[in-house]
Protein backbone atom coordinates (compact mmCIF):
# COMPACT_ATOMS: atom_id res chain seq x y z
CA UNK A 1 50.25 -63.54 63.20
CA UNK A 2 53.57 -62.22 61.97
CA UNK A 3 55.34 -59.73 64.16
CA UNK A 4 54.85 -56.15 63.00
CA UNK A 5 58.61 -55.79 62.81
CA UNK A 6 60.43 -56.82 59.66
CA UNK A 7 64.16 -57.26 60.07
CA UNK A 8 66.42 -56.94 57.07
CA UNK A 9 70.13 -57.45 56.95
CA UNK A 10 72.10 -55.87 54.15
CA UNK A 11 75.78 -56.69 53.60
CA UNK A 12 77.30 -54.24 51.21
CA UNK A 13 80.12 -51.80 50.84
CA UNK A 14 79.53 -48.18 51.72
CA UNK A 15 82.27 -47.08 49.37
CA UNK A 16 85.39 -47.58 51.48
CA UNK A 17 84.40 -49.78 54.41
CA UNK A 18 82.12 -52.77 54.45
CA UNK A 19 79.77 -52.69 57.40
CA UNK A 20 76.67 -54.61 58.30
CA UNK A 21 73.56 -52.49 58.03
CA UNK A 22 70.63 -53.63 60.15
CA UNK A 23 67.24 -52.13 59.30
CA UNK A 24 64.01 -52.66 61.24
CA UNK A 25 60.57 -51.32 60.32
CA UNK A 26 56.88 -52.13 60.59
CA UNK A 27 56.44 -52.41 56.81
CA UNK A 28 58.65 -53.15 53.82
CA UNK A 29 58.13 -52.74 50.06
CA UNK A 30 60.68 -53.43 47.31
CA UNK A 31 60.47 -52.72 43.58
CA UNK A 32 63.19 -54.60 41.73
CA UNK A 33 62.42 -52.78 38.46
CA UNK A 34 62.73 -49.31 40.00
CA UNK A 35 65.62 -50.44 42.23
CA UNK A 36 64.10 -49.03 45.42
CA UNK A 37 63.11 -50.30 48.84
CA UNK A 38 60.64 -48.42 51.03
CA UNK A 39 60.43 -49.02 54.76
CA UNK A 40 57.72 -47.40 56.87
CA UNK A 41 56.73 -47.27 60.52
CA UNK A 42 59.30 -47.08 63.31
CA UNK A 43 62.24 -47.31 60.91
CA UNK A 44 65.64 -47.80 62.53
CA UNK A 45 68.79 -48.19 60.44
CA UNK A 46 71.97 -49.11 62.31
CA UNK A 47 75.38 -49.21 60.60
CA UNK A 48 78.37 -50.40 62.55
CA UNK A 49 78.52 -49.82 66.29
CA UNK A 50 77.29 -46.21 66.45
CA UNK A 51 75.70 -44.74 63.32
CA UNK A 52 71.91 -44.82 63.71
CA UNK A 53 69.05 -43.33 61.72
CA UNK A 54 65.43 -43.25 62.91
CA UNK A 55 62.48 -42.09 60.81
CA UNK A 56 58.86 -42.74 59.90
CA UNK A 57 59.83 -43.62 56.33
CA UNK A 58 63.08 -44.61 54.62
CA UNK A 59 63.50 -44.99 50.86
CA UNK A 60 66.69 -46.69 49.69
CA UNK A 61 67.74 -46.29 46.06
CA UNK A 62 70.03 -48.94 44.54
CA UNK A 63 72.25 -49.16 41.47
CA UNK A 64 72.04 -52.10 39.03
CA UNK A 65 74.46 -54.11 41.21
CA UNK A 66 72.03 -53.58 44.12
CA UNK A 67 74.40 -51.36 46.08
CA UNK A 68 72.67 -48.46 47.86
CA UNK A 69 73.31 -45.11 46.20
CA UNK A 70 70.98 -42.89 48.21
CA UNK A 71 68.94 -43.02 51.41
CA UNK A 72 66.06 -40.58 51.93
CA UNK A 73 64.47 -40.53 55.39
CA UNK A 74 61.32 -38.53 56.13
CA UNK A 75 59.05 -37.97 59.10
CA UNK A 76 60.43 -37.52 62.61
CA UNK A 77 63.96 -38.03 61.28
CA UNK A 78 66.86 -38.11 63.74
CA UNK A 79 70.32 -39.64 63.66
CA UNK A 80 73.63 -40.27 65.43
CA UNK A 81 76.86 -40.52 63.45
CA UNK A 82 80.61 -40.37 63.86
CA UNK A 83 82.27 -37.97 61.43
CA UNK A 84 86.03 -37.50 61.63
CA UNK A 85 86.18 -39.00 65.13
CA UNK A 86 83.50 -36.63 66.44
CA UNK A 87 80.05 -37.71 67.62
CA UNK A 88 77.08 -35.93 66.09
CA UNK A 89 73.36 -36.08 66.48
CA UNK A 90 70.86 -34.25 64.37
CA UNK A 91 67.36 -34.07 63.05
CA UNK A 92 65.24 -32.60 60.30
CA UNK A 93 62.10 -33.32 58.36
CA UNK A 94 64.18 -34.84 55.54
CA UNK A 95 67.59 -36.49 55.76
CA UNK A 96 69.36 -37.59 52.60
CA UNK A 97 72.59 -39.60 52.62
CA UNK A 98 74.60 -40.31 49.48
CA UNK A 99 77.19 -42.97 50.47
CA UNK A 100 79.36 -42.71 47.34
CA UNK A 101 79.80 -38.94 47.80
CA UNK A 102 79.66 -39.19 51.62
CA UNK A 103 77.21 -36.29 51.78
CA UNK A 104 74.50 -35.85 54.43
CA UNK A 105 71.77 -33.28 53.77
CA UNK A 106 69.29 -32.24 56.47
CA UNK A 107 66.31 -30.18 55.34
CA UNK A 108 63.42 -28.30 56.96
CA UNK A 109 63.99 -27.44 60.62
CA UNK A 110 67.49 -28.89 60.34
CA UNK A 111 69.61 -29.28 63.47
CA UNK A 112 73.15 -30.61 63.92
CA UNK A 113 74.94 -31.01 67.25
CA UNK A 114 78.60 -31.92 67.80
CA UNK A 115 78.60 -33.65 71.18
CA UNK A 116 82.24 -33.18 72.22
CA UNK A 117 82.34 -29.42 71.72
CA UNK A 118 78.61 -28.79 72.24
CA UNK A 119 78.46 -26.86 68.96
CA UNK A 120 74.94 -26.55 67.56
CA UNK A 121 73.74 -25.46 64.13
CA UNK A 122 70.16 -24.66 63.11
CA UNK A 123 68.95 -23.84 59.60
CA UNK A 124 66.62 -24.69 56.75
CA UNK A 125 69.26 -26.87 55.11
CA UNK A 126 72.51 -28.30 56.48
CA UNK A 127 74.92 -30.08 54.14
CA UNK A 128 77.74 -32.14 55.62
CA UNK A 129 80.38 -33.36 53.16
CA UNK A 130 82.19 -36.07 55.08
CA UNK A 131 84.85 -36.60 52.39
CA UNK A 132 85.80 -32.92 52.16
CA UNK A 133 85.06 -32.23 55.87
CA UNK A 134 82.95 -29.22 54.98
CA UNK A 135 79.71 -27.98 56.52
CA UNK A 136 77.25 -25.58 54.90
CA UNK A 137 74.13 -24.10 56.48
CA UNK A 138 71.52 -22.40 54.32
CA UNK A 139 68.52 -20.24 55.03
CA UNK A 140 65.87 -20.80 52.40
CA UNK A 141 62.94 -19.26 54.27
CA UNK A 142 64.75 -15.96 54.92
CA UNK A 143 64.87 -16.99 58.57
CA UNK A 144 68.47 -16.55 59.77
CA UNK A 145 70.63 -19.56 60.53
CA UNK A 146 71.74 -20.00 64.13
CA UNK A 147 75.09 -21.18 65.52
CA UNK A 148 75.72 -21.91 69.20
CA UNK A 149 79.18 -22.68 70.55
CA UNK A 150 81.26 -22.14 73.64
CA UNK A 151 84.53 -20.27 73.88
CA UNK A 152 86.97 -20.18 76.75
CA UNK A 153 87.84 -16.82 78.22
CA UNK A 154 91.52 -16.74 78.95
CA UNK A 155 92.51 -14.14 81.50
CA UNK A 156 95.41 -11.94 80.48
CA UNK A 157 98.38 -12.28 82.74
């Protein structure tokens, strides 16, 4: 019997840099007409040495040249990524990544953590624009967003 794991290797450019993307999952479905691939069950996407995405389901949308234009991960979604030389981890019910625009969007119980500074952000929707180095946190449910960070107290001399 075939192993439950399906291993796919994609070699493509993620706009500026070409990295190998390694995806593993229990199940794989591709529709060449709709230009999508759907991976389900224990999905792990690894790009380069550090960036990792884990989810129950990952849908990859492609352009006509079969380059990925959008990733949508759902179900138990969590990730690690390096953005501007800082290490982040995060999670949410839905994670969308648009490689051409370099935009990450976390939705529903969204959480983002910058490891070096221990900054944490919680909200309904977190948008990280890697190209513009901007971060936006939105409250859709009227529940307030939450920021946690440390500051150093400097004694006056």
